[in-house]
Amino acid sequence: MPRTKPSYEEAVREVEQIVAEIERGEMDIDQLTPKLKRAQELLALCQSQLKKVTDDVKKLLDHE
């Protein structure tokens, strides 16, 4: 079953969790690649959401 698209806050929390697991040495080497790919996907999602919000705010401010 495909994952639902997380909110910005959920994505950030998940990335922070992945980073913490790596830093603490709690991640098996077999988990490293898929977890890093997941973190990369989440970061791309966050960047996209931030860009959209930034663009929306600029549009709103330009109309004032």
Protein backbone atom coordinates (compact mmCIF):
# COMPACT_ATOMS: atom_id res chain seq x y z
CA MET A 1 0.00 0.00 0.00
CA PRO A 2 1.51 3.36 -0.98
CA ARG A 3 2.30 5.86 1.73
CA THR A 4 0.15 8.92 2.00
CA LYS A 5 1.86 12.25 1.45
CA PRO A 6 3.06 13.48 4.84
CA SER A 7 2.59 17.03 6.03
CA TYR A 8 5.64 19.28 6.15
CA GLU A 9 5.96 18.78 9.90
CA GLU A 10 5.65 14.99 9.61
CA ALA A 11 8.30 14.91 6.89
CA VAL A 12 10.71 17.00 8.95
CA ARG A 13 10.17 14.77 12.00
CA GLU A 14 10.82 11.63 9.96
CA VAL A 15 14.03 13.07 8.47
CA GLU A 16 15.18 14.10 11.96
CA GLN A 17 14.46 10.57 13.20
CA ILE A 18 16.47 9.02 10.36
CA VAL A 19 19.40 11.37 11.01
CA ALA A 20 19.30 10.62 14.75
CA GLU A 21 19.32 6.86 14.13
CA ILE A 22 22.35 7.21 11.86
CA GLU A 23 24.18 9.48 14.30
CA ARG A 24 23.56 7.11 17.21
CA GLY A 25 24.73 4.13 15.15
CA GLU A 26 21.35 2.44 15.57
CA MET A 27 20.84 1.68 11.89
CA ASP A 28 21.86 -1.60 10.29
CA ILE A 29 23.93 -1.23 7.14
CA ASP A 30 21.12 -2.97 5.23
CA GLN A 31 18.72 -0.19 6.26
CA LEU A 32 21.03 2.66 5.37
CA THR A 33 20.35 2.93 1.64
CA PRO A 34 16.55 2.71 1.82
CA LYS A 35 16.44 5.11 4.78
CA LEU A 36 18.66 7.62 2.97
CA LYS A 37 16.45 7.36 -0.12
CA ARG A 38 13.39 7.98 2.07
CA ALA A 39 15.08 11.00 3.66
CA GLN A 40 15.93 12.33 0.19
CA GLU A 41 12.28 11.95 -0.90
CA LEU A 42 11.07 13.71 2.23
CA LEU A 43 13.53 16.58 1.80
CA ALA A 44 12.40 17.04 -1.80
CA LEU A 45 8.80 17.15 -0.59
CA CYS A 46 9.71 19.76 2.03
CA GLN A 47 11.54 21.89 -0.54
CA SER A 48 8.54 21.71 -2.86
CA GLN A 49 6.13 22.70 -0.11
CA LEU A 50 8.36 25.59 1.00
CA LYS A 51 8.65 26.86 -2.58
CA LYS A 52 4.88 26.75 -3.01
CA VAL A 53 4.28 28.64 0.22
CA THR A 54 6.96 31.20 -0.66
CA ASP A 55 5.42 31.74 -4.10
CA ASP A 56 1.92 32.05 -2.59
CA VAL A 57 3.11 34.62 -0.03
CA LYS A 58 4.89 36.64 -2.73
CA LYS A 59 1.72 36.68 -4.84
CA LEU A 60 -0.37 37.81 -1.89
CA LEU A 61 2.08 40.55 -0.97
CA ASP A 62 2.31 41.75 -4.57
CA HIS A 63 -1.47 42.25 -4.68
CA GLU A 64 -1.47 44.64 -1.73
